[in-house]
Amino acid sequence: MHESFNALMPLIIPEGVNEYFELSHFAKTDNRLDIFLVERNVTPEEYSSAKLLSKGFYDPIEIQDFPIRGLDVYLNIKRRRWLNTDTNQSVHRNWETVAKGTRITSDFAAFLKAISRYPST
């Protein structure tokens, strides 16, 4: 991704999101900006003592964000899933735990609330 766009990302996405997600790419049309975020392969704190193996991603979700300069903005988010090799179960980051365990901005809280609405199936 172009370095100057990465420098602008903290101004576009909610503060704190880039701690858990990285920008994969973006797409712009005449009236829409899509920002594609991929969850980083960082072990969730609630599974820090378990052996986790990254097993890809859940289906992407799309969240409408605040418009920018007349463009509708959508965050397209790919949430990661892991295999807990101790229990042989698929696991994912618990966003309620993230919200409780950190100081978060209201924008980041709204982001966590939005992605928590989508079940991990």
PDB file of N, CA and C in Angstrom:
ATOM      1  N   MET A   1       0.862  -1.178   0.000  1.00  0.00           N
ATOM      2  CA  MET A   1       0.000   0.000   0.000  1.00  0.00           C
ATOM      3  C   MET A   1       0.896   1.225   0.000  1.00  0.00           C
ATOM      4  N   HIS A   2       0.455   2.235  -0.682  1.00  0.00           N
ATOM      5  CA  HIS A   2       1.237   3.464  -0.801  1.00  0.00           C
ATOM      6  C   HIS A   2       1.447   4.090   0.568  1.00  0.00           C
ATOM      7  N   GLU A   3       2.685   4.504   0.848  1.00  0.00           N
ATOM      8  CA  GLU A   3       3.071   5.029   2.162  1.00  0.00           C
ATOM      9  C   GLU A   3       2.261   6.258   2.571  1.00  0.00           C
ATOM     10  N   SER A   4       1.977   7.173   1.633  1.00  0.00           N
ATOM     11  CA  SER A   4       1.244   8.378   1.996  1.00  0.00           C
ATOM     12  C   SER A   4      -0.199   8.059   2.392  1.00  0.00           C
ATOM     13  N   PHE A   5      -0.801   7.037   1.774  1.00  0.00           N
ATOM     14  CA  PHE A   5      -2.161   6.659   2.171  1.00  0.00           C
ATOM     15  C   PHE A   5      -2.146   6.061   3.572  1.00  0.00           C
ATOM     16  N   ASN A   6      -1.138   5.248   3.885  1.00  0.00           N
ATOM     17  CA  ASN A   6      -1.021   4.684   5.229  1.00  0.00           C
ATOM     18  C   ASN A   6      -0.887   5.783   6.276  1.00  0.00           C
ATOM     19  N   ALA A   7      -0.216   6.860   5.929  1.00  0.00           N
ATOM     20  CA  ALA A   7      -0.064   7.975   6.858  1.00  0.00           C
ATOM     21  C   ALA A   7      -1.405   8.667   7.122  1.00  0.00           C
ATOM     22  N   LEU A   8      -2.312   8.625   6.146  1.00  0.00           N
ATOM     23  CA  LEU A   8      -3.627   9.243   6.309  1.00  0.00           C
ATOM     24  C   LEU A   8      -4.615   8.344   7.050  1.00  0.00           C
ATOM     25  N   MET A   9      -4.350   7.059   7.112  1.00  0.00           N
ATOM     26  CA  MET A   9      -5.314   6.120   7.693  1.00  0.00           C
ATOM     27  C   MET A   9      -5.762   6.488   9.110  1.00  0.00           C
ATOM     28  N   PRO A  10      -4.863   6.919  10.010  1.00  0.00           N
ATOM     29  CA  PRO A  10      -5.354   7.285  11.351  1.00  0.00           C
ATOM     30  C   PRO A  10      -6.366   8.422  11.337  1.00  0.00           C
ATOM     31  N   LEU A  11      -6.378   9.216  10.270  1.00  0.00           N
ATOM     32  CA  LEU A  11      -7.345  10.300  10.163  1.00  0.00           C
ATOM     33  C   LEU A  11      -8.673   9.827   9.594  1.00  0.00           C
ATOM     34  N   ILE A  12      -8.676   8.650   8.958  1.00  0.00           N
ATOM     35  CA  ILE A  12      -9.859   8.147   8.271  1.00  0.00           C
ATOM     36  C   ILE A  12     -10.572   7.065   9.077  1.00  0.00           C
ATOM     37  N   ILE A  13      -9.822   6.139   9.623  1.00  0.00           N
ATOM     38  CA  ILE A  13     -10.436   5.044  10.388  1.00  0.00           C
ATOM     39  C   ILE A  13     -10.419   5.388  11.872  1.00  0.00           C
ATOM     40  N   PRO A  14     -11.312   4.799  12.657  1.00  0.00           N
ATOM     41  CA  PRO A  14     -11.352   5.097  14.092  1.00  0.00           C
ATOM     42  C   PRO A  14     -10.019   4.786  14.768  1.00  0.00           C
ATOM     43  N   GLU A  15      -9.645   5.646  15.696  1.00  0.00           N
ATOM     44  CA  GLU A  15      -8.410   5.458  16.450  1.00  0.00           C
ATOM     45  C   GLU A  15      -8.462   4.111  17.169  1.00  0.00           C
ATOM     46  N   GLY A  16      -7.406   3.348  17.080  1.00  0.00           N
ATOM     47  CA  GLY A  16      -7.332   2.042  17.718  1.00  0.00           C
ATOM     48  C   GLY A  16      -7.533   0.890  16.762  1.00  0.00           C
ATOM     49  N   VAL A  17      -8.220   1.129  15.645  1.00  0.00           N
ATOM     50  CA  VAL A  17      -8.490   0.056  14.687  1.00  0.00           C
ATOM     51  C   VAL A  17      -7.187  -0.492  14.116  1.00  0.00           C
ATOM     52  N   ASN A  18      -6.228   0.400  13.820  1.00  0.00           N
ATOM     53  CA  ASN A  18      -4.986  -0.075  13.203  1.00  0.00           C
ATOM     54  C   ASN A  18      -4.130  -0.911  14.148  1.00  0.00           C
ATOM     55  N   GLU A  19      -4.486  -0.960  15.422  1.00  0.00           N
ATOM     56  CA  GLU A  19      -3.798  -1.860  16.348  1.00  0.00           C
ATOM     57  C   GLU A  19      -4.175  -3.318  16.056  1.00  0.00           C
ATOM     58  N   TYR A  20      -5.383  -3.544  15.563  1.00  0.00           N
ATOM     59  CA  TYR A  20      -5.887  -4.892  15.320  1.00  0.00           C
ATOM     60  C   TYR A  20      -6.035  -5.233  13.839  1.00  0.00           C
ATOM     61  N   PHE A  21      -6.080  -4.215  12.988  1.00  0.00           N
ATOM     62  CA  PHE A  21      -6.304  -4.431  11.561  1.00  0.00           C
ATOM     63  C   PHE A  21      -5.262  -3.686  10.750  1.00  0.00           C
ATOM     64  N   GLU A  22      -4.986  -4.217   9.550  1.00  0.00           N
ATOM     65  CA  GLU A  22      -4.123  -3.496   8.630  1.00  0.00           C
ATOM     66  C   GLU A  22      -4.876  -3.259   7.329  1.00  0.00           C
ATOM     67  N   LEU A  23      -4.517  -2.189   6.676  1.00  0.00           N
ATOM     68  CA  LEU A  23      -5.131  -1.832   5.411  1.00  0.00           C
ATOM     69  C   LEU A  23      -4.580  -2.747   4.325  1.00  0.00           C
ATOM     70  N   SER A  24      -5.470  -3.424   3.609  1.00  0.00           N
ATOM     71  CA  SER A  24      -4.995  -4.259   2.504  1.00  0.00           C
ATOM     72  C   SER A  24      -5.055  -3.481   1.194  1.00  0.00           C
ATOM     73  N   HIS A  25      -6.136  -2.714   0.992  1.00  0.00           N
ATOM     74  CA  HIS A  25      -6.259  -1.883  -0.193  1.00  0.00           C
ATOM     75  C   HIS A  25      -7.500  -1.007  -0.058  1.00  0.00           C
ATOM     76  N   PHE A  26      -7.709  -0.159  -1.040  1.00  0.00           N
ATOM     77  CA  PHE A  26      -8.917   0.660  -1.073  1.00  0.00           C
ATOM     78  C   PHE A  26      -9.368   0.785  -2.513  1.00  0.00           C
ATOM     79  N   ALA A  27     -10.641   1.127  -2.694  1.00  0.00           N
ATOM     80  CA  ALA A  27     -11.211   1.320  -4.034  1.00  0.00           C
ATOM     81  C   ALA A  27     -12.113   2.548  -3.977  1.00  0.00           C
ATOM     82  N   LYS A  28     -12.004   3.399  -4.987  1.00  0.00           N
ATOM     83  CA  LYS A  28     -12.795   4.618  -5.043  1.00  0.00           C
ATOM     84  C   LYS A  28     -13.550   4.687  -6.368  1.00  0.00           C
ATOM     85  N   THR A  29     -14.822   5.019  -6.253  1.00  0.00           N
ATOM     86  CA  THR A  29     -15.627   5.312  -7.439  1.00  0.00           C
ATOM     87  C   THR A  29     -16.066   6.771  -7.330  1.00  0.00           C
ATOM     88  N   ASP A  30     -16.950   7.204  -8.205  1.00  0.00           N
ATOM     89  CA  ASP A  30     -17.396   8.596  -8.180  1.00  0.00           C
ATOM     90  C   ASP A  30     -18.065   8.994  -6.872  1.00  0.00           C
ATOM     91  N   ASN A  31     -18.767   8.052  -6.235  1.00  0.00           N
ATOM     92  CA  ASN A  31     -19.519   8.408  -5.033  1.00  0.00           C
ATOM     93  C   ASN A  31     -19.265   7.489  -3.838  1.00  0.00           C
ATOM     94  N   ARG A  32     -18.225   6.646  -3.908  1.00  0.00           N
ATOM     95  CA  ARG A  32     -18.015   5.666  -2.847  1.00  0.00           C
ATOM     96  C   ARG A  32     -16.529   5.392  -2.648  1.00  0.00           C
ATOM     97  N   LEU A  33     -16.154   5.244  -1.364  1.00  0.00           N
ATOM     98  CA  LEU A  33     -14.796   4.840  -1.001  1.00  0.00           C
ATOM     99  C   LEU A  33     -14.906   3.582  -0.158  1.00  0.00           C
ATOM    100  N   ASP A  34     -14.280   2.503  -0.630  1.00  0.00           N
ATOM    101  CA  ASP A  34     -14.223   1.251   0.132  1.00  0.00           C
ATOM    102  C   ASP A  34     -12.820   1.090   0.685  1.00  0.00           C
ATOM    103  N   ILE A  35     -12.740   0.878   1.990  1.00  0.00           N
ATOM    104  CA  ILE A  35     -11.468   0.645   2.667  1.00  0.00           C
ATOM    105  C   ILE A  35     -11.486  -0.795   3.154  1.00  0.00           C
ATOM    106  N   PHE A  36     -10.486  -1.561   2.762  1.00  0.00           N
ATOM    107  CA  PHE A  36     -10.428  -2.987   3.075  1.00  0.00           C
ATOM    108  C   PHE A  36      -9.425  -3.230   4.196  1.00  0.00           C
ATOM    109  N   LEU A  37      -9.922  -3.766   5.310  1.00  0.00           N
ATOM    110  CA  LEU A  37      -9.109  -4.022   6.490  1.00  0.00           C
ATOM    111  C   LEU A  37      -9.063  -5.518   6.770  1.00  0.00           C
ATOM    112  N   VAL A  38      -7.883  -5.997   7.146  1.00  0.00           N
ATOM    113  CA  VAL A  38      -7.665  -7.411   7.448  1.00  0.00           C
ATOM    114  C   VAL A  38      -7.131  -7.507   8.876  1.00  0.00           C
ATOM    115  N   GLU A  39      -7.747  -8.365   9.678  1.00  0.00           N
ATOM    116  CA  GLU A  39      -7.296  -8.519  11.062  1.00  0.00           C
ATOM    117  C   GLU A  39      -5.882  -9.071  11.096  1.00  0.00           C
ATOM    118  N   ARG A  40      -5.056  -8.460  11.914  1.00  0.00           N
ATOM    119  CA  ARG A  40      -3.665  -8.889  12.060  1.00  0.00           C
ATOM    120  C   ARG A  40      -3.592 -10.271  12.707  1.00  0.00           C
ATOM    121  N   ASN A  41      -2.538 -10.997  12.403  1.00  0.00           N
ATOM    122  CA  ASN A  41      -2.340 -12.327  12.977  1.00  0.00           C
ATOM    123  C   ASN A  41      -1.613 -12.198  14.315  1.00  0.00           C
ATOM    124  N   VAL A  42      -2.319 -11.603  15.276  1.00  0.00           N
ATOM    125  CA  VAL A  42      -1.804 -11.410  16.627  1.00  0.00           C
ATOM    126  C   VAL A  42      -2.731 -12.165  17.567  1.00  0.00           C
ATOM    127  N   THR A  43      -2.163 -13.054  18.358  1.00  0.00           N
ATOM    128  CA  THR A  43      -2.962 -13.890  19.255  1.00  0.00           C
ATOM    129  C   THR A  43      -3.821 -13.032  20.173  1.00  0.00           C
ATOM    130  N   PRO A  44      -5.124 -13.305  20.229  1.00  0.00           N
ATOM    131  CA  PRO A  44      -5.997 -12.575  21.161  1.00  0.00           C
ATOM    132  C   PRO A  44      -5.547 -12.810  22.599  1.00  0.00           C
ATOM    133  N   GLU A  45      -5.619 -11.763  23.408  1.00  0.00           N
ATOM    134  CA  GLU A  45      -5.177 -11.856  24.802  1.00  0.00           C
ATOM    135  C   GLU A  45      -5.872 -12.976  25.562  1.00  0.00           C
ATOM    136  N   GLU A  46      -7.154 -13.192  25.272  1.00  0.00           N
ATOM    137  CA  GLU A  46      -7.893 -14.221  26.011  1.00  0.00           C
ATOM    138  C   GLU A  46      -7.394 -15.633  25.710  1.00  0.00           C
ATOM    139  N   TYR A  47      -6.547 -15.777  24.670  1.00  0.00           N
ATOM    140  CA  TYR A  47      -5.974 -17.083  24.324  1.00  0.00           C
ATOM    141  C   TYR A  47      -4.451 -17.069  24.398  1.00  0.00           C
ATOM    142  N   SER A  48      -3.891 -16.179  25.196  1.00  0.00           N
ATOM    143  CA  SER A  48      -2.436 -16.021  25.242  1.00  0.00           C
ATOM    144  C   SER A  48      -1.708 -17.275  25.727  1.00  0.00           C
ATOM    145  N   SER A  49      -2.384 -18.115  26.510  1.00  0.00           N
ATOM    146  CA  SER A  49      -1.722 -19.324  27.002  1.00  0.00           C
ATOM    147  C   SER A  49      -1.980 -20.544  26.104  1.00  0.00           C
ATOM    148  N   ALA A  50      -2.799 -20.388  25.087  1.00  0.00           N
ATOM    149  CA  ALA A  50      -3.134 -21.505  24.193  1.00  0.00           C
ATOM    150  C   ALA A  50      -2.238 -21.481  22.956  1.00  0.00           C
ATOM    151  N   LYS A  51      -2.147 -22.620  22.303  1.00  0.00           N
ATOM    152  CA  LYS A  51      -1.435 -22.698  21.034  1.00  0.00           C
ATOM    153  C   LYS A  51      -2.459 -22.484  19.925  1.00  0.00           C
ATOM    154  N   LEU A  52      -2.319 -21.356  19.219  1.00  0.00           N
ATOM    155  CA  LEU A  52      -3.256 -21.028  18.148  1.00  0.00           C
ATOM    156  C   LEU A  52      -2.547 -21.099  16.806  1.00  0.00           C
ATOM    157  N   LEU A  53      -3.287 -21.583  15.827  1.00  0.00           N
ATOM    158  CA  LEU A  53      -2.808 -21.675  14.460  1.00  0.00           C
ATOM    159  C   LEU A  53      -3.783 -20.900  13.580  1.00  0.00           C
ATOM    160  N   SER A  54      -3.285 -19.900  12.852  1.00  0.00           N
ATOM    161  CA  SER A  54      -4.155 -19.104  11.994  1.00  0.00           C
ATOM    162  C   SER A  54      -4.792 -20.000  10.941  1.00  0.00           C
ATOM    163  N   LYS A  55      -6.106 -19.886  10.797  1.00  0.00           N
ATOM    164  CA  LYS A  55      -6.849 -20.722   9.848  1.00  0.00           C
ATOM    165  C   LYS A  55      -7.674 -19.884   8.888  1.00  0.00           C
ATOM    166  N   GLY A  56      -7.154 -18.732   8.511  1.00  0.00           N
ATOM    167  CA  GLY A  56      -7.851 -17.921   7.525  1.00  0.00           C
ATOM    168  C   GLY A  56      -8.810 -16.935   8.157  1.00  0.00           C
ATOM    169  N   PHE A  57      -9.894 -16.655   7.424  1.00  0.00           N
ATOM    170  CA  PHE A  57     -10.793 -15.572   7.793  1.00  0.00           C
ATOM    171  C   PHE A  57     -12.252 -15.993   7.681  1.00  0.00           C
ATOM    172  N   TYR A  58     -13.093 -15.294   8.435  1.00  0.00           N
ATOM    173  CA  TYR A  58     -14.532 -15.404   8.255  1.00  0.00           C
ATOM    174  C   TYR A  58     -14.903 -14.610   7.009  1.00  0.00           C
ATOM    175  N   ASP A  59     -16.124 -14.771   6.532  1.00  0.00           N
ATOM    176  CA  ASP A  59     -16.593 -13.962   5.407  1.00  0.00           C
ATOM    177  C   ASP A  59     -16.477 -12.483   5.782  1.00  0.00           C
ATOM    178  N   PRO A  60     -16.085 -11.642   4.841  1.00  0.00           N
ATOM    179  CA  PRO A  60     -15.950 -10.210   5.147  1.00  0.00           C
ATOM    180  C   PRO A  60     -17.286  -9.588   5.535  1.00  0.00           C
ATOM    181  N   ILE A  61     -17.214  -8.566   6.353  1.00  0.00           N
ATOM    182  CA  ILE A  61     -18.394  -7.781   6.701  1.00  0.00           C
ATOM    183  C   ILE A  61     -18.176  -6.354   6.211  1.00  0.00           C
ATOM    184  N   GLU A  62     -19.251  -5.651   5.967  1.00  0.00           N
ATOM    185  CA  GLU A  62     -19.187  -4.281   5.472  1.00  0.00           C
ATOM    186  C   GLU A  62     -19.911  -3.377   6.448  1.00  0.00           C
ATOM    187  N   ILE A  63     -19.224  -2.315   6.867  1.00  0.00           N
ATOM    188  CA  ILE A  63     -19.797  -1.354   7.800  1.00  0.00           C
ATOM    189  C   ILE A  63     -19.725   0.027   7.154  1.00  0.00           C
ATOM    190  N   GLN A  64     -20.842   0.726   7.128  1.00  0.00           N
ATOM    191  CA  GLN A  64     -20.827   2.083   6.593  1.00  0.00           C
ATOM    192  C   GLN A  64     -20.261   3.012   7.657  1.00  0.00           C
ATOM    193  N   ASP A  65     -19.339   3.859   7.234  1.00  0.00           N
ATOM    194  CA  ASP A  65     -18.694   4.805   8.132  1.00  0.00           C
ATOM    195  C   ASP A  65     -19.125   6.217   7.750  1.00  0.00           C
ATOM    196  N   PHE A  66     -18.532   7.214   8.384  1.00  0.00           N
ATOM    197  CA  PHE A  66     -18.870   8.595   8.095  1.00  0.00           C
ATOM    198  C   PHE A  66     -18.439   8.957   6.675  1.00  0.00           C
ATOM    199  N   PRO A  67     -19.244   9.742   5.969  1.00  0.00           N
ATOM    200  CA  PRO A  67     -18.859  10.166   4.618  1.00  0.00           C
ATOM    201  C   PRO A  67     -17.630  11.076   4.659  1.00  0.00           C
ATOM    202  N   ILE A  68     -16.891  11.047   3.576  1.00  0.00           N
ATOM    203  CA  ILE A  68     -15.718  11.904   3.435  1.00  0.00           C
ATOM    204  C   ILE A  68     -15.856  12.652   2.112  1.00  0.00           C
ATOM    205  N   ARG A  69     -15.895  13.967   2.199  1.00  0.00           N
ATOM    206  CA  ARG A  69     -15.951  14.824   1.000  1.00  0.00           C
ATOM    207  C   ARG A  69     -16.989  14.357  -0.023  1.00  0.00           C
ATOM    208  N   GLY A  70     -18.170  14.027   0.469  1.00  0.00           N
ATOM    209  CA  GLY A  70     -19.265  13.635  -0.421  1.00  0.00           C
ATOM    210  C   GLY A  70     -19.240  12.184  -0.847  1.00  0.00           C
ATOM    211  N   LEU A  71     -18.258  11.421  -0.378  1.00  0.00           N
ATOM    212  CA  LEU A  71     -18.183   9.997  -0.716  1.00  0.00           C
ATOM    213  C   LEU A  71     -18.780   9.166   0.407  1.00  0.00           C
ATOM    214  N   ASP A  72     -19.588   8.184   0.051  1.00  0.00           N
ATOM    215  CA  ASP A  72     -20.018   7.200   1.041  1.00  0.00           C
ATOM    216  C   ASP A  72     -18.806   6.338   1.352  1.00  0.00           C
ATOM    217  N   VAL A  73     -18.551   6.097   2.633  1.00  0.00           N
ATOM    218  CA  VAL A  73     -17.375   5.339   3.050  1.00  0.00           C
ATOM    219  C   VAL A  73     -17.820   4.028   3.674  1.00  0.00           C
ATOM    220  N   TYR A  74     -17.205   2.951   3.215  1.00  0.00           N
ATOM    221  CA  TYR A  74     -17.503   1.616   3.735  1.00  0.00           C
ATOM    222  C   TYR A  74     -16.210   0.953   4.167  1.00  0.00           C
ATOM    223  N   LEU A  75     -16.236   0.382   5.365  1.00  0.00           N
ATOM    224  CA  LEU A  75     -15.119  -0.411   5.857  1.00  0.00           C
ATOM    225  C   LEU A  75     -15.465  -1.871   5.580  1.00  0.00           C
ATOM    226  N   ASN A  76     -14.634  -2.534   4.811  1.00  0.00           N
ATOM    227  CA  ASN A  76     -14.807  -3.950   4.484  1.00  0.00           C
ATOM    228  C   ASN A  76     -13.802  -4.710   5.341  1.00  0.00           C
ATOM    229  N   ILE A  77     -14.304  -5.518   6.264  1.00  0.00           N
ATOM    230  CA  ILE A  77     -13.472  -6.075   7.322  1.00  0.00           C
ATOM    231  C   ILE A  77     -13.411  -7.595   7.237  1.00  0.00           C
ATOM    232  N   LYS A  78     -12.188  -8.105   7.235  1.00  0.00           N
ATOM    233  CA  LYS A  78     -11.981  -9.548   7.276  1.00  0.00           C
ATOM    234  C   LYS A  78     -11.458  -9.906   8.667  1.00  0.00           C
ATOM    235  N   ARG A  79     -12.300 -10.627   9.417  1.00  0.00           N
ATOM    236  CA  ARG A  79     -11.923 -11.049  10.764  1.00  0.00           C
ATOM    237  C   ARG A  79     -11.229 -12.405  10.687  1.00  0.00           C
ATOM    238  N   ARG A  80     -10.171 -12.527  11.443  1.00  0.00           N
ATOM    239  CA  ARG A  80      -9.349 -13.737  11.434  1.00  0.00           C
ATOM    240  C   ARG A  80      -9.951 -14.801  12.360  1.00  0.00           C
ATOM    241  N   ARG A  81      -9.671 -16.043  12.035  1.00  0.00           N
ATOM    242  CA  ARG A  81     -10.017 -17.138  12.946  1.00  0.00           C
ATOM    243  C   ARG A  81      -8.771 -17.999  13.134  1.00  0.00           C
ATOM    244  N   TRP A  82      -8.717 -18.613  14.295  1.00  0.00           N
ATOM    245  CA  TRP A  82      -7.590 -19.460  14.651  1.00  0.00           C
ATOM    246  C   TRP A  82      -8.100 -20.826  15.086  1.00  0.00           C
ATOM    247  N   LEU A  83      -7.252 -21.812  14.974  1.00  0.00           N
ATOM    248  CA  LEU A  83      -7.529 -23.133  15.529  1.00  0.00           C
ATOM    249  C   LEU A  83      -6.774 -23.233  16.831  1.00  0.00           C
ATOM    250  N   ASN A  84      -7.509 -23.498  17.906  1.00  0.00           N
ATOM    251  CA  ASN A  84      -6.879 -23.752  19.201  1.00  0.00           C
ATOM    252  C   ASN A  84      -6.430 -25.208  19.163  1.00  0.00           C
ATOM    253  N   THR A  85      -5.137 -25.444  19.017  1.00  0.00           N
ATOM    254  CA  THR A  85      -4.636 -26.809  18.852  1.00  0.00           C
ATOM    255  C   THR A  85      -4.743 -27.616  20.140  1.00  0.00           C
ATOM    256  N   ASP A  86      -4.947 -26.948  21.285  1.00  0.00           N
ATOM    257  CA  ASP A  86      -5.140 -27.661  22.550  1.00  0.00           C
ATOM    258  C   ASP A  86      -6.534 -28.277  22.624  1.00  0.00           C
ATOM    259  N   THR A  87      -7.540 -27.569  22.072  1.00  0.00           N
ATOM    260  CA  THR A  87      -8.924 -28.042  22.171  1.00  0.00           C
ATOM    261  C   THR A  87      -9.497 -28.467  20.824  1.00  0.00           C
ATOM    262  N   ASN A  88      -8.766 -28.187  19.742  1.00  0.00           N
ATOM    263  CA  ASN A  88      -9.201 -28.475  18.379  1.00  0.00           C
ATOM    264  C   ASN A  88     -10.476 -27.704  18.004  1.00  0.00           C
ATOM    265  N   GLN A  89     -10.651 -26.514  18.600  1.00  0.00           N
ATOM    266  CA  GLN A  89     -11.811 -25.681  18.304  1.00  0.00           C
ATOM    267  C   GLN A  89     -11.384 -24.398  17.589  1.00  0.00           C
ATOM    268  N   SER A  90     -12.269 -23.909  16.733  1.00  0.00           N
ATOM    269  CA  SER A  90     -12.039 -22.643  16.055  1.00  0.00           C
ATOM    270  C   SER A  90     -12.370 -21.504  17.018  1.00  0.00           C
ATOM    271  N   VAL A  91     -11.488 -20.499  17.084  1.00  0.00           N
ATOM    272  CA  VAL A  91     -11.690 -19.361  17.988  1.00  0.00           C
ATOM    273  C   VAL A  91     -11.466 -18.057  17.231  1.00  0.00           C
ATOM    274  N   HIS A  92     -11.949 -16.974  17.816  1.00  0.00           N
ATOM    275  CA  HIS A  92     -11.761 -15.639  17.248  1.00  0.00           C
ATOM    276  C   HIS A  92     -11.631 -14.649  18.398  1.00  0.00           C
ATOM    277  N   ARG A  93     -11.204 -13.452  18.062  1.00  0.00           N
ATOM    278  CA  ARG A  93     -11.028 -12.412  19.082  1.00  0.00           C
ATOM    279  C   ARG A  93     -12.399 -12.007  19.623  1.00  0.00           C
ATOM    280  N   ASN A  94     -12.469 -11.873  20.933  1.00  0.00           N
ATOM    281  CA  ASN A  94     -13.695 -11.437  21.600  1.00  0.00           C
ATOM    282  C   ASN A  94     -13.643  -9.913  21.697  1.00  0.00           C
ATOM    283  N   TRP A  95     -14.441  -9.237  20.881  1.00  0.00           N
ATOM    284  CA  TRP A  95     -14.371  -7.777  20.832  1.00  0.00           C
ATOM    285  C   TRP A  95     -14.912  -7.124  22.083  1.00  0.00           C
ATOM    286  N   GLU A  96     -15.770  -7.802  22.831  1.00  0.00           N
ATOM    287  CA  GLU A  96     -16.230  -7.251  24.107  1.00  0.00           C
ATOM    288  C   GLU A  96     -15.075  -7.197  25.097  1.00  0.00           C
ATOM    289  N   THR A  97     -14.208  -8.201  25.077  1.00  0.00           N
ATOM    290  CA  THR A  97     -13.028  -8.208  25.935  1.00  0.00           C
ATOM    291  C   THR A  97     -12.101  -7.056  25.566  1.00  0.00           C
ATOM    292  N   VAL A  98     -11.917  -6.825  24.277  1.00  0.00           N
ATOM    293  CA  VAL A  98     -11.065  -5.720  23.820  1.00  0.00           C
ATOM    294  C   VAL A  98     -11.620  -4.398  24.339  1.00  0.00           C
ATOM    295  N   ALA A  99     -12.920  -4.214  24.215  1.00  0.00           N
ATOM    296  CA  ALA A  99     -13.541  -2.959  24.645  1.00  0.00           C
ATOM    297  C   ALA A  99     -13.381  -2.745  26.145  1.00  0.00           C
ATOM    298  N   LYS A 100     -13.540  -3.801  26.937  1.00  0.00           N
ATOM    299  CA  LYS A 100     -13.441  -3.677  28.391  1.00  0.00           C
ATOM    300  C   LYS A 100     -12.004  -3.485  28.848  1.00  0.00           C
ATOM    301  N   GLY A 101     -11.052  -4.069  28.127  1.00  0.00           N
ATOM    302  CA  GLY A 101      -9.669  -4.078  28.587  1.00  0.00           C
ATOM    303  C   GLY A 101      -8.831  -2.905  28.126  1.00  0.00           C
ATOM    304  N   THR A 102      -9.411  -1.962  27.415  1.00  0.00           N
ATOM    305  CA  THR A 102      -8.617  -0.855  26.900  1.00  0.00           C
ATOM    306  C   THR A 102      -9.350   0.463  27.075  1.00  0.00           C
ATOM    307  N   ARG A 103      -8.601   1.520  26.996  1.00  0.00           N
ATOM    308  CA  ARG A 103      -9.210   2.842  26.889  1.00  0.00           C
ATOM    309  C   ARG A 103      -9.472   3.048  25.416  1.00  0.00           C
ATOM    310  N   ILE A 104     -10.710   3.297  25.084  1.00  0.00           N
ATOM    311  CA  ILE A 104     -11.037   3.425  23.676  1.00  0.00           C
ATOM    312  C   ILE A 104     -11.784   4.722  23.410  1.00  0.00           C
ATOM    313  N   THR A 105     -11.644   5.192  22.201  1.00  0.00           N
ATOM    314  CA  THR A 105     -12.378   6.387  21.792  1.00  0.00           C
ATOM    315  C   THR A 105     -13.817   5.994  21.479  1.00  0.00           C
ATOM    316  N   SER A 106     -14.685   6.977  21.398  1.00  0.00           N
ATOM    317  CA  SER A 106     -16.078   6.671  21.067  1.00  0.00           C
ATOM    318  C   SER A 106     -16.189   6.109  19.654  1.00  0.00           C
ATOM    319  N   ASP A 107     -15.331   6.577  18.721  1.00  0.00           N
ATOM    320  CA  ASP A 107     -15.345   6.031  17.351  1.00  0.00           C
ATOM    321  C   ASP A 107     -14.944   4.563  17.346  1.00  0.00           C
ATOM    322  N   PHE A 108     -13.900   4.224  18.125  1.00  0.00           N
ATOM    323  CA  PHE A 108     -13.453   2.838  18.186  1.00  0.00           C
ATOM    324  C   PHE A 108     -14.515   1.981  18.864  1.00  0.00           C
ATOM    325  N   ALA A 109     -15.174   2.513  19.882  1.00  0.00           N
ATOM    326  CA  ALA A 109     -16.261   1.780  20.548  1.00  0.00           C
ATOM    327  C   ALA A 109     -17.387   1.483  19.568  1.00  0.00           C
ATOM    328  N   ALA A 110     -17.725   2.461  18.733  1.00  0.00           N
ATOM    329  CA  ALA A 110     -18.779   2.251  17.725  1.00  0.00           C
ATOM    330  C   ALA A 110     -18.338   1.203  16.712  1.00  0.00           C
ATOM    331  N   PHE A 111     -17.073   1.218  16.333  1.00  0.00           N
ATOM    332  CA  PHE A 111     -16.526   0.229  15.406  1.00  0.00           C
ATOM    333  C   PHE A 111     -16.639  -1.173  16.018  1.00  0.00           C
ATOM    334  N   LEU A 112     -16.225  -1.328  17.278  1.00  0.00           N
ATOM    335  CA  LEU A 112     -16.303  -2.640  17.940  1.00  0.00           C
ATOM    336  C   LEU A 112     -17.746  -3.108  18.060  1.00  0.00           C
ATOM    337  N   LYS A 113     -18.631  -2.197  18.383  1.00  0.00           N
ATOM    338  CA  LYS A 113     -20.051  -2.549  18.488  1.00  0.00           C
ATOM    339  C   LYS A 113     -20.578  -3.033  17.146  1.00  0.00           C
ATOM    340  N   ALA A 114     -20.184  -2.363  16.075  1.00  0.00           N
ATOM    341  CA  ALA A 114     -20.651  -2.732  14.740  1.00  0.00           C
ATOM    342  C   ALA A 114     -20.145  -4.103  14.335  1.00  0.00           C
ATOM    343  N   ILE A 115     -18.852  -4.400  14.547  1.00  0.00           N
ATOM    344  CA  ILE A 115     -18.350  -5.702  14.098  1.00  0.00           C
ATOM    345  C   ILE A 115     -18.828  -6.831  15.016  1.00  0.00           C
ATOM    346  N   SER A 116     -19.181  -6.504  16.249  1.00  0.00           N
ATOM    347  CA  SER A 116     -19.686  -7.530  17.167  1.00  0.00           C
ATOM    348  C   SER A 116     -21.098  -7.978  16.804  1.00  0.00           C
ATOM    349  N   ARG A 117     -21.813  -7.174  16.005  1.00  0.00           N
ATOM    350  CA  ARG A 117     -23.168  -7.539  15.587  1.00  0.00           C
ATOM    351  C   ARG A 117     -23.175  -8.724  14.632  1.00  0.00           C
ATOM    352  N   TYR A 118     -22.058  -8.957  13.966  1.00  0.00           N
ATOM    353  CA  TYR A 118     -21.991  -9.997  12.958  1.00  0.00           C
ATOM    354  C   TYR A 118     -21.456 -11.274  13.600  1.00  0.00           C
ATOM    355  N   PRO A 119     -22.236 -12.339  13.601  1.00  0.00           N
ATOM    356  CA  PRO A 119     -21.781 -13.594  14.212  1.00  0.00           C
ATOM    357  C   PRO A 119     -20.626 -14.186  13.419  1.00  0.00           C
ATOM    358  N   SER A 120     -19.761 -14.873  14.120  1.00  0.00           N
ATOM    359  CA  SER A 120     -18.658 -15.580  13.472  1.00  0.00           C
ATOM    360  C   SER A 120     -19.148 -16.976  13.161  1.00  0.00           C
ATOM    361  N   THR A 121     -19.408 -17.217  11.882  1.00  0.00           N
ATOM    362  CA  THR A 121     -19.942 -18.512  11.482  1.00  0.00           C
ATOM    363  C   THR A 121     -18.988 -19.245  10.595  1.00  0.00           C
TER     364      THR A 121
END
